[in-house]
Every structure is written in structure tokens, then in C-alpha cells.
Amino acid sequence: MGARRSWKSAVVLVGCVAVMLVIAACAGFWNTPVQFGKLIVGAVQVMGTTGTVLVSVADMPDGGLGAIQFGTVGNEAITFTNIDAASIKVEGKNGFVVLAQAFAGGTGALIAAGCDGVVGGEILKFTFTVTGAHPTLIVTKAKVKLVSETNAFITTWELSSTAYYAR
């Protein structure tokens, strides 16, 4: 009778330890790290002689992205190859409007703003004429400034080229 009670106590003890381990393992999922906002510059998509690049955001803080600046004239944030600079047109998406743009000699600068913050989704669409094989459009993160809908600079964000699709 005493051995049976010891055996049952051991099973209960092992069961309690197992439950505690499961709870401890699940607690790691609740302590997820803070997500930084992401600026996503898509790959150049070519159809015939026309190319497009979509620029999107994800997980933007403080009410979403309210404005973006891709460098300045003389300190451009955008570089490109095998793209006709004179043909570049930039269309705002999700309420964003292009306020100023300058593209020449393989570099470019752009400023765009929106009326409402965009937390996630497309904000810009570049359309251009492709002049050679393997066109590229690259953004230099250090030259980009993001402003939230609350008129504060967004200083912690990531630049990504991972495909991101929003509806």
C-alpha cells in the first residue's frame, strides 16, 4: 500500500513538473520583442520596356507613416541603373502625395506625405522605362527620413526588400 502511494505521488510530481515546463515554454511567446517599423522597397518588376517598383510600409508606430524623405538634391537616397531618369514617375498610394522629386544621372531624391498615417501597405509606386538588362533601384537607409502621423521622427525602423503584399 505504501509503495502504491509513493508511485502515485511520483506520477503527480512528474505531471506537475511537465505542466510547469509547458507554461514556462509558452511564456516566451508572450514576451515577443517590439517590432520595428519597416520600409519595404520591392524588386524591379519588368514587363516589356516598362519597369515598376512598389514601396510599402509595415508595423509603423505612432499612428503610422505620415511623410517620407528620400534624401535631398546633392545627397540623394535613391540610386538606379538601366533606368531612364527622365521617364521616372512616382504615384502616391493610400493617400500619399508626391510633393517633390528629382531624378538625374543615376540618382534621385523624393518627398511624399499623406493626410492619414499608414501603418501598413503601399505608399508609392515608381514607373519608368528600362534601358538595359537587370535594372536596379536601390534606397540608402541612412539618407531616408520617416515622420509619423504625430509629427515625430521615426528613428527605429528597418529597410527591407522582402516582398510585402497588403490589401
Protein backbone atom coordinates (compact mmCIF):
# COMPACT_ATOMS: atom_id res chain seq x y z
CA MET A 1 0.00 0.00 0.00
CA GLY A 2 2.87 2.40 0.81
CA ALA A 3 4.63 1.62 -2.49
CA ARG A 4 1.46 2.36 -4.43
CA ARG A 5 1.12 5.75 -2.70
CA SER A 6 4.80 6.60 -3.48
CA TRP A 7 4.25 5.64 -7.12
CA LYS A 8 1.14 7.85 -7.37
CA SER A 9 2.96 10.73 -5.70
CA ALA A 10 5.84 10.40 -8.17
CA VAL A 11 3.43 10.42 -11.14
CA VAL A 12 1.68 13.53 -9.79
CA LEU A 13 5.04 15.24 -9.20
CA VAL A 14 6.25 14.43 -12.75
CA GLY A 15 2.92 15.68 -14.14
CA CYS A 16 3.21 18.97 -12.23
CA VAL A 17 6.79 19.47 -13.44
CA ALA A 18 5.69 18.78 -17.03
CA VAL A 19 2.86 21.35 -16.77
CA MET A 20 5.26 23.93 -15.31
CA LEU A 21 7.72 23.35 -18.18
CA VAL A 22 4.96 23.80 -20.76
CA ILE A 23 3.82 27.03 -19.10
CA ALA A 24 7.41 28.31 -18.95
CA ALA A 25 7.92 27.49 -22.64
CA CYS A 26 4.70 29.29 -23.62
CA ALA A 27 5.67 32.36 -21.60
CA GLY A 28 8.37 33.02 -24.18
CA PHE A 29 5.66 33.62 -26.79
CA TRP A 30 4.06 36.31 -24.63
CA ASN A 31 7.31 38.23 -24.30
CA THR A 32 7.66 38.96 -28.00
CA PRO A 33 10.16 41.67 -28.88
CA VAL A 34 8.97 45.07 -30.02
CA GLN A 35 8.58 45.16 -33.79
CA PHE A 36 10.28 48.00 -35.61
CA GLY A 37 8.54 49.71 -38.47
CA LYS A 38 9.63 48.54 -41.89
CA LEU A 39 10.15 50.40 -45.14
CA ILE A 40 9.91 47.81 -47.89
CA VAL A 41 11.34 48.61 -51.31
CA GLY A 42 10.24 45.94 -53.74
CA ALA A 43 12.31 44.48 -56.53
CA VAL A 44 12.17 45.97 -60.01
CA GLN A 45 9.38 44.27 -61.96
CA VAL A 46 9.83 44.49 -65.76
CA MET A 47 7.15 43.99 -68.39
CA GLY A 48 8.45 44.75 -71.88
CA THR A 49 10.32 48.06 -71.58
CA THR A 50 8.34 49.30 -68.56
CA GLY A 51 9.54 48.76 -65.02
CA THR A 52 7.81 49.26 -61.68
CA VAL A 53 8.88 49.28 -58.05
CA LEU A 54 6.43 49.28 -55.15
CA VAL A 55 7.36 50.91 -51.84
CA SER A 56 5.38 49.76 -48.80
CA VAL A 57 5.48 50.06 -45.03
CA ALA A 58 4.65 47.65 -42.24
CA ASP A 59 4.27 47.97 -38.48
CA MET A 60 4.74 51.77 -38.47
CA PRO A 61 4.41 53.27 -34.96
CA ASP A 62 2.71 56.45 -33.68
CA GLY A 63 -0.38 56.30 -35.87
CA GLY A 64 1.51 55.26 -38.99
CA LEU A 65 3.80 56.89 -41.52
CA GLY A 66 2.82 60.48 -42.28
CA ALA A 67 5.71 61.59 -44.50
CA ILE A 68 8.91 60.30 -46.07
CA GLN A 69 12.01 61.97 -47.48
CA PHE A 70 14.42 60.06 -49.73
CA GLY A 71 17.50 62.27 -49.37
CA THR A 72 17.97 65.74 -50.81
CA VAL A 73 19.31 67.11 -54.07
CA GLY A 74 23.07 66.61 -53.79
CA ASN A 75 22.61 63.87 -51.15
CA GLU A 76 20.19 61.53 -52.91
CA ALA A 77 18.92 58.37 -51.21
CA ILE A 78 17.90 56.59 -54.43
CA THR A 79 20.37 55.13 -56.92
CA PHE A 80 19.40 53.31 -60.09
CA THR A 81 20.91 51.60 -63.12
CA ASN A 82 19.48 50.80 -66.57
CA ILE A 83 16.54 53.13 -65.96
CA ASP A 84 15.78 56.31 -67.96
CA ALA A 85 15.79 59.07 -65.31
CA ALA A 86 13.54 61.34 -67.39
CA SER A 87 10.86 58.64 -67.56
CA ILE A 88 10.54 58.05 -63.79
CA LYS A 89 7.06 58.80 -62.49
CA VAL A 90 6.12 58.27 -58.86
CA GLU A 91 2.50 57.75 -57.86
CA GLY A 92 1.31 58.07 -54.26
CA LYS A 93 -0.79 55.25 -52.80
CA ASN A 94 -3.07 55.05 -49.73
CA GLY A 95 -3.42 58.82 -49.50
CA PHE A 96 0.25 59.65 -50.09
CA VAL A 97 1.06 62.50 -52.46
CA VAL A 98 4.46 63.15 -54.03
CA LEU A 99 5.43 66.72 -53.09
CA ALA A 100 8.83 66.94 -54.82
CA GLN A 101 11.08 64.66 -56.85
CA ALA A 102 14.37 64.96 -58.71
CA PHE A 103 15.94 62.15 -60.77
CA ALA A 104 19.07 62.53 -62.91
CA GLY A 105 22.36 60.78 -63.58
CA GLY A 106 21.51 57.55 -61.79
CA THR A 107 20.38 59.16 -58.52
CA GLY A 108 17.19 60.59 -57.13
CA ALA A 109 15.51 62.34 -54.22
CA LEU A 110 11.83 62.44 -53.32
CA ILE A 111 9.48 63.80 -50.67
CA ALA A 112 5.96 62.43 -50.13
CA ALA A 113 3.34 62.91 -47.44
CA GLY A 114 -0.09 61.60 -46.59
CA CYS A 115 -3.15 63.04 -44.87
CA ASP A 116 -3.59 59.98 -42.66
CA GLY A 117 -0.86 57.79 -41.23
CA VAL A 118 -0.27 54.45 -42.96
CA VAL A 119 0.57 51.65 -40.51
CA GLY A 120 0.94 49.05 -43.26
CA GLY A 121 0.52 48.93 -47.02
CA GLU A 122 1.73 50.52 -50.23
CA ILE A 123 2.72 54.18 -50.19
CA LEU A 124 4.49 54.72 -53.54
CA LYS A 125 4.67 53.20 -56.99
CA PHE A 126 7.63 54.01 -59.27
CA THR A 127 7.08 53.53 -63.01
CA PHE A 128 9.87 54.01 -65.57
CA THR A 129 11.36 52.98 -68.90
CA VAL A 130 14.00 50.26 -68.73
CA THR A 131 17.11 50.98 -70.81
CA GLY A 132 19.10 47.77 -70.32
CA ALA A 133 19.26 44.36 -68.72
CA HIS A 134 18.85 43.90 -64.97
CA PRO A 135 17.63 47.37 -63.91
CA THR A 136 18.08 48.25 -60.24
CA LEU A 137 16.59 50.81 -57.87
CA ILE A 138 18.34 50.95 -54.50
CA VAL A 139 17.50 53.03 -51.42
CA THR A 140 20.19 54.04 -48.90
CA LYS A 141 18.65 53.84 -45.42
CA ALA A 142 20.98 56.42 -43.83
CA LYS A 143 19.62 59.11 -46.18
CA VAL A 144 15.91 58.39 -45.60
CA LYS A 145 13.81 60.23 -43.02
CA LEU A 146 10.44 58.95 -41.81
CA VAL A 147 7.87 61.05 -39.95
CA SER A 148 4.87 59.62 -38.11
CA GLU A 149 1.31 60.93 -38.24
CA THR A 150 2.00 62.55 -34.85
CA ASN A 151 4.76 64.69 -36.48
CA ALA A 152 7.59 62.86 -34.73
CA PHE A 153 10.61 61.36 -36.46
CA ILE A 154 10.53 57.56 -36.61
CA THR A 155 14.10 56.68 -35.68
CA THR A 156 13.88 52.92 -35.15
CA TRP A 157 12.92 51.23 -38.40
CA GLU A 158 14.27 48.66 -40.81
CA LEU A 159 14.80 48.80 -44.55
CA SER A 160 13.66 45.62 -46.22
CA SER A 161 13.46 44.26 -49.72
CA THR A 162 11.29 41.33 -48.65
CA ALA A 163 8.12 41.06 -50.68
CA TYR A 164 5.17 42.51 -48.76
CA TYR A 165 1.65 42.49 -50.04
CA ALA A 166 -1.22 44.36 -48.44
CA ARG A 167 -4.85 44.72 -49.44
